[in-house]
Amino acid sequence: MKKYTIYWTAPVRITLGAEPVFVEGPLHAVELLEGDWPETSSEHYLAALRKCDLACRLRGGLVSSREFFVAAALAAHVLETSPIQSPVTDAELDGSAPFRFDTGPGTKAARIAGSYQL
């Protein structure tokens, strides 16, 4: 049966070897689990492999496949728990920087902004 490339709403960051890896969906997870995964005997590993395989064949839940993969990554001690850097600056968070969005001609924001009189 064909496997499809589908994506989770948020990637799972793991460390295999020296570099972090961003796992974006169940197909990528299956490839990693079937490859050089450091721990292949736990029930977390087997459940993640089964759930991710079903999800990429469109026969299982996408959200649950991610949850099972996270559990397998925790069990294998490869889950990266450090926060991902945000593209938002500190000045934008505290309100001292101006709000940014694209208001170029023809954008939805420009049409909305043009419909209001200040």
Foldseek 3Di string as FASTA:
>chain_A
DDFADDFDPAWFWWDDPPDIDTHTFLVSLLVVLVPPQPDCPDPLSVVLNVQSRCVRVVNHDGVVNVVSSVVSRVVSVTGDDDDDDDPDDPCVVVVNDDDDDDLPPPDPNVVVVVVDDD
